[in-house]
Amino acid sequence: QLVGKWEVISSDSLAGEGWHESKAIWIYQYILDGYAVKDIWREKFSDYTSNTKNLGRDFTGMNVRIFDPATRTWKITWIENGKNTMINNLTAKMNEKGDIVMKSPNSNSEATFYDITEDNFSWKFEILQGGDRILFSRMLANRLK
């Protein structure tokens, strides 16, 4: 349901600086004959996002998502040029409200896609500490046509 091109307004919590708002483009495409999805995240240095500010150049990341019909779970790998890292074994699953909840392998963070419609969705990234959820990042995405 997210395949397409999205314009994103992102707000990130920066230690000691409050919230930093920036924009990005997020593009979802089918790959592997429709059995998987890749999504590419792009932030331009000229937009001075929290990522590009620290990096000193454009920031790009990519997820490869493949659906496991037996468990109704997406298996995900994230690759980025920021820290030149790759995170494997992320998972995502739709909950009873229709939100898509993505979890890290060690379950210390969650990213949630919510309020999903044909033309927009919201997203939040939370750090889990004990029983607390600390909001680290939030986004609003609008489909580009």
C-alpha atoms as a PDB file:
ATOM      1  CA  GLN A   1       0.000   0.000   0.000  1.00  0.00           C
ATOM      2  CA  LEU A   2       3.019   2.315   0.265  1.00  0.00           C
ATOM      3  CA  VAL A   3       4.411   1.724  -3.236  1.00  0.00           C
ATOM      4  CA  GLY A   4       4.975   5.111  -4.861  1.00  0.00           C
ATOM      5  CA  LYS A   5       6.812   8.360  -4.190  1.00  0.00           C
ATOM      6  CA  TRP A   6       6.297  10.294  -0.946  1.00  0.00           C
ATOM      7  CA  GLU A   7       7.313  13.752   0.228  1.00  0.00           C
ATOM      8  CA  VAL A   8       8.138  13.604   3.926  1.00  0.00           C
ATOM      9  CA  ILE A   9       8.295  16.210   6.655  1.00  0.00           C
ATOM     10  CA  SER A  10      10.414  14.720   9.425  1.00  0.00           C
ATOM     11  CA  SER A  11      11.001  15.911  12.981  1.00  0.00           C
ATOM     12  CA  ASP A  12      13.926  14.469  14.920  1.00  0.00           C
ATOM     13  CA  SER A  13      14.717  14.919  18.592  1.00  0.00           C
ATOM     14  CA  LEU A  14      18.261  16.242  18.916  1.00  0.00           C
ATOM     15  CA  ALA A  15      19.908  16.035  22.337  1.00  0.00           C
ATOM     16  CA  GLY A  16      19.978  19.487  23.891  1.00  0.00           C
ATOM     17  CA  GLU A  17      18.563  21.132  20.759  1.00  0.00           C
ATOM     18  CA  GLY A  18      14.881  20.149  20.832  1.00  0.00           C
ATOM     19  CA  TRP A  19      13.148  19.088  17.614  1.00  0.00           C
ATOM     20  CA  HIS A  20      14.691  19.587  14.169  1.00  0.00           C
ATOM     21  CA  GLU A  21      12.301  19.616  11.190  1.00  0.00           C
ATOM     22  CA  SER A  22      13.464  18.639   7.724  1.00  0.00           C
ATOM     23  CA  LYS A  23      12.192  17.124   4.505  1.00  0.00           C
ATOM     24  CA  ALA A  24      12.989  14.021   2.506  1.00  0.00           C
ATOM     25  CA  ILE A  25      11.756  11.894  -0.383  1.00  0.00           C
ATOM     26  CA  TRP A  26      10.799   8.250   0.248  1.00  0.00           C
ATOM     27  CA  ILE A  27      10.280   5.998  -2.790  1.00  0.00           C
ATOM     28  CA  TYR A  28       8.769   2.501  -2.565  1.00  0.00           C
ATOM     29  CA  GLN A  29       9.092   0.114  -5.534  1.00  0.00           C
ATOM     30  CA  TYR A  30       8.277  -3.530  -6.206  1.00  0.00           C
ATOM     31  CA  ILE A  31      11.313  -5.726  -6.922  1.00  0.00           C
ATOM     32  CA  LEU A  32      11.962  -9.433  -7.538  1.00  0.00           C
ATOM     33  CA  ASP A  33       8.919  -9.748  -9.777  1.00  0.00           C
ATOM     34  CA  GLY A  34       6.684  -8.270  -7.073  1.00  0.00           C
ATOM     35  CA  TYR A  35       7.768 -10.620  -4.275  1.00  0.00           C
ATOM     36  CA  ALA A  36       9.639  -7.881  -2.410  1.00  0.00           C
ATOM     37  CA  VAL A  37       9.703  -4.110  -1.986  1.00  0.00           C
ATOM     38  CA  LYS A  38      12.642  -1.749  -1.827  1.00  0.00           C
ATOM     39  CA  ASP A  39      12.294   1.693  -0.429  1.00  0.00           C
ATOM     40  CA  ILE A  40      14.832   4.468  -0.816  1.00  0.00           C
ATOM     41  CA  TRP A  41      15.108   7.390   1.605  1.00  0.00           C
ATOM     42  CA  ARG A  42      16.802  10.584   0.339  1.00  0.00           C
ATOM     43  CA  GLU A  43      17.722  13.736   2.243  1.00  0.00           C
ATOM     44  CA  LYS A  44      19.539  16.534   0.403  1.00  0.00           C
ATOM     45  CA  PHE A  45      22.396  18.345   2.135  1.00  0.00           C
ATOM     46  CA  SER A  46      20.862  21.607   0.938  1.00  0.00           C
ATOM     47  CA  ASP A  47      17.793  20.853   3.121  1.00  0.00           C
ATOM     48  CA  TYR A  48      20.102  20.624   6.147  1.00  0.00           C
ATOM     49  CA  THR A  49      18.485  17.680   7.860  1.00  0.00           C
ATOM     50  CA  SER A  50      19.669  16.240  11.163  1.00  0.00           C
ATOM     51  CA  ASN A  51      21.321  13.412   9.200  1.00  0.00           C
ATOM     52  CA  THR A  52      23.034  15.580   6.570  1.00  0.00           C
ATOM     53  CA  LYS A  53      24.135  18.104   9.204  1.00  0.00           C
ATOM     54  CA  ASN A  54      26.266  15.428  10.875  1.00  0.00           C
ATOM     55  CA  LEU A  55      27.256  13.714   7.630  1.00  0.00           C
ATOM     56  CA  GLY A  56      28.251  16.813   5.638  1.00  0.00           C
ATOM     57  CA  ARG A  57      26.598  15.480   2.450  1.00  0.00           C
ATOM     58  CA  ASP A  58      23.383  13.955   1.116  1.00  0.00           C
ATOM     59  CA  PHE A  59      22.001  11.074   3.198  1.00  0.00           C
ATOM     60  CA  THR A  60      20.561   7.994   1.483  1.00  0.00           C
ATOM     61  CA  GLY A  61      19.224   4.791   2.956  1.00  0.00           C
ATOM     62  CA  MET A  62      17.432   1.777   1.553  1.00  0.00           C
ATOM     63  CA  ASN A  63      15.286  -1.011   2.944  1.00  0.00           C
ATOM     64  CA  VAL A  64      14.723  -4.311   1.185  1.00  0.00           C
ATOM     65  CA  ARG A  65      11.488  -5.865   2.453  1.00  0.00           C
ATOM     66  CA  ILE A  66      10.287  -9.374   1.669  1.00  0.00           C
ATOM     67  CA  PHE A  67       6.952 -10.757   2.892  1.00  0.00           C
ATOM     68  CA  ASP A  68       6.701 -14.154   4.586  1.00  0.00           C
ATOM     69  CA  PRO A  69       3.094 -15.288   3.970  1.00  0.00           C
ATOM     70  CA  ALA A  70       3.360 -18.105   6.536  1.00  0.00           C
ATOM     71  CA  THR A  71       3.966 -15.663   9.419  1.00  0.00           C
ATOM     72  CA  ARG A  72       2.396 -12.586   7.738  1.00  0.00           C
ATOM     73  CA  THR A  73       5.613 -10.737   8.611  1.00  0.00           C
ATOM     74  CA  TRP A  74       7.923  -8.555   6.562  1.00  0.00           C
ATOM     75  CA  LYS A  75      11.630  -9.369   6.880  1.00  0.00           C
ATOM     76  CA  ILE A  76      13.747  -6.266   6.340  1.00  0.00           C
ATOM     77  CA  THR A  77      17.350  -5.184   5.818  1.00  0.00           C
ATOM     78  CA  TRP A  78      18.361  -1.505   6.127  1.00  0.00           C
ATOM     79  CA  ILE A  79      21.446  -0.098   4.371  1.00  0.00           C
ATOM     80  CA  GLU A  80      22.627   3.515   4.659  1.00  0.00           C
ATOM     81  CA  ASN A  81      25.460   5.793   3.637  1.00  0.00           C
ATOM     82  CA  GLY A  82      25.382   7.767   6.912  1.00  0.00           C
ATOM     83  CA  LYS A  83      27.332   5.350   9.058  1.00  0.00           C
ATOM     84  CA  ASN A  84      27.932   2.989   6.132  1.00  0.00           C
ATOM     85  CA  THR A  85      25.950   0.374   8.003  1.00  0.00           C
ATOM     86  CA  MET A  86      23.590  -2.480   7.355  1.00  0.00           C
ATOM     87  CA  ILE A  87      20.985  -3.701   9.852  1.00  0.00           C
ATOM     88  CA  ASN A  88      19.590  -7.171   9.223  1.00  0.00           C
ATOM     89  CA  ASN A  89      16.698  -9.042  10.783  1.00  0.00           C
ATOM     90  CA  LEU A  90      14.280  -6.157  11.199  1.00  0.00           C
ATOM     91  CA  THR A  91      10.687  -7.349  11.102  1.00  0.00           C
ATOM     92  CA  ALA A  92       7.350  -5.648  10.481  1.00  0.00           C
ATOM     93  CA  LYS A  93       3.824  -6.820  11.027  1.00  0.00           C
ATOM     94  CA  MET A  94       0.389  -5.232  10.845  1.00  0.00           C
ATOM     95  CA  ASN A  95      -1.328  -4.918  14.218  1.00  0.00           C
ATOM     96  CA  GLU A  96      -5.060  -5.083  15.015  1.00  0.00           C
ATOM     97  CA  LYS A  97      -5.483  -1.324  14.292  1.00  0.00           C
ATOM     98  CA  GLY A  98      -3.977  -1.628  10.804  1.00  0.00           C
ATOM     99  CA  ASP A  99      -0.703   0.027  11.837  1.00  0.00           C
ATOM    100  CA  ILE A 100       2.541  -1.474  10.568  1.00  0.00           C
ATOM    101  CA  VAL A 101       4.995  -1.980  13.443  1.00  0.00           C
ATOM    102  CA  MET A 102       8.661  -2.519  12.579  1.00  0.00           C
ATOM    103  CA  LYS A 103      10.973  -3.880  15.291  1.00  0.00           C
ATOM    104  CA  SER A 104      14.721  -4.084  15.697  1.00  0.00           C
ATOM    105  CA  PRO A 105      16.370  -7.483  16.259  1.00  0.00           C
ATOM    106  CA  ASN A 106      17.016  -6.733  19.944  1.00  0.00           C
ATOM    107  CA  SER A 107      13.540  -5.148  20.380  1.00  0.00           C
ATOM    108  CA  ASN A 108      14.923  -1.909  21.838  1.00  0.00           C
ATOM    109  CA  SER A 109      13.182   0.224  19.217  1.00  0.00           C
ATOM    110  CA  GLU A 110      10.019   0.330  17.138  1.00  0.00           C
ATOM    111  CA  ALA A 111       9.024   2.241  14.036  1.00  0.00           C
ATOM    112  CA  THR A 112       5.286   2.497  13.442  1.00  0.00           C
ATOM    113  CA  PHE A 113       3.453   3.453  10.241  1.00  0.00           C
ATOM    114  CA  TYR A 114      -0.026   4.674  11.229  1.00  0.00           C
ATOM    115  CA  ASP A 115      -3.008   6.721   9.993  1.00  0.00           C
ATOM    116  CA  ILE A 116      -2.328   5.144   6.592  1.00  0.00           C
ATOM    117  CA  THR A 117      -4.503   6.335   3.706  1.00  0.00           C
ATOM    118  CA  GLU A 118      -4.055   6.270  -0.057  1.00  0.00           C
ATOM    119  CA  ASP A 119      -2.464   9.737  -0.040  1.00  0.00           C
ATOM    120  CA  ASN A 120      -0.620  10.040   3.297  1.00  0.00           C
ATOM    121  CA  PHE A 121       0.647   8.281   6.378  1.00  0.00           C
ATOM    122  CA  SER A 122       2.327   9.101   9.664  1.00  0.00           C
ATOM    123  CA  TRP A 123       5.411   7.407  11.057  1.00  0.00           C
ATOM    124  CA  LYS A 124       7.134   7.419  14.435  1.00  0.00           C
ATOM    125  CA  PHE A 125      10.332   5.925  15.813  1.00  0.00           C
ATOM    126  CA  GLU A 126      10.461   5.119  19.505  1.00  0.00           C
ATOM    127  CA  ILE A 127      13.281   3.907  21.738  1.00  0.00           C
ATOM    128  CA  LEU A 128      12.087   1.372  24.307  1.00  0.00           C
ATOM    129  CA  GLN A 129      13.688   1.636  27.749  1.00  0.00           C
ATOM    130  CA  GLY A 130      12.196  -0.540  30.445  1.00  0.00           C
ATOM    131  CA  GLY A 131       8.472   0.118  30.234  1.00  0.00           C
ATOM    132  CA  ASP A 132       8.951   3.580  28.703  1.00  0.00           C
ATOM    133  CA  ARG A 133       8.666   4.662  25.079  1.00  0.00           C
ATOM    134  CA  ILE A 134      10.785   7.651  24.116  1.00  0.00           C
ATOM    135  CA  LEU A 135       9.729   9.371  20.893  1.00  0.00           C
ATOM    136  CA  PHE A 136      12.853  10.020  18.839  1.00  0.00           C
ATOM    137  CA  SER A 137      11.500  10.803  15.371  1.00  0.00           C
ATOM    138  CA  ARG A 138       8.127  11.451  13.720  1.00  0.00           C
ATOM    139  CA  MET A 139       7.068  12.017  10.122  1.00  0.00           C
ATOM    140  CA  LEU A 140       4.180  12.918   7.925  1.00  0.00           C
ATOM    141  CA  ALA A 141       4.329  11.587   4.361  1.00  0.00           C
ATOM    142  CA  ASN A 142       2.220  12.831   1.453  1.00  0.00           C
ATOM    143  CA  ARG A 143       2.047  10.933  -1.822  1.00  0.00           C
ATOM    144  CA  LEU A 144       3.525  12.716  -4.829  1.00  0.00           C
ATOM    145  CA  LYS A 145       1.479  12.234  -7.991  1.00  0.00           C
END
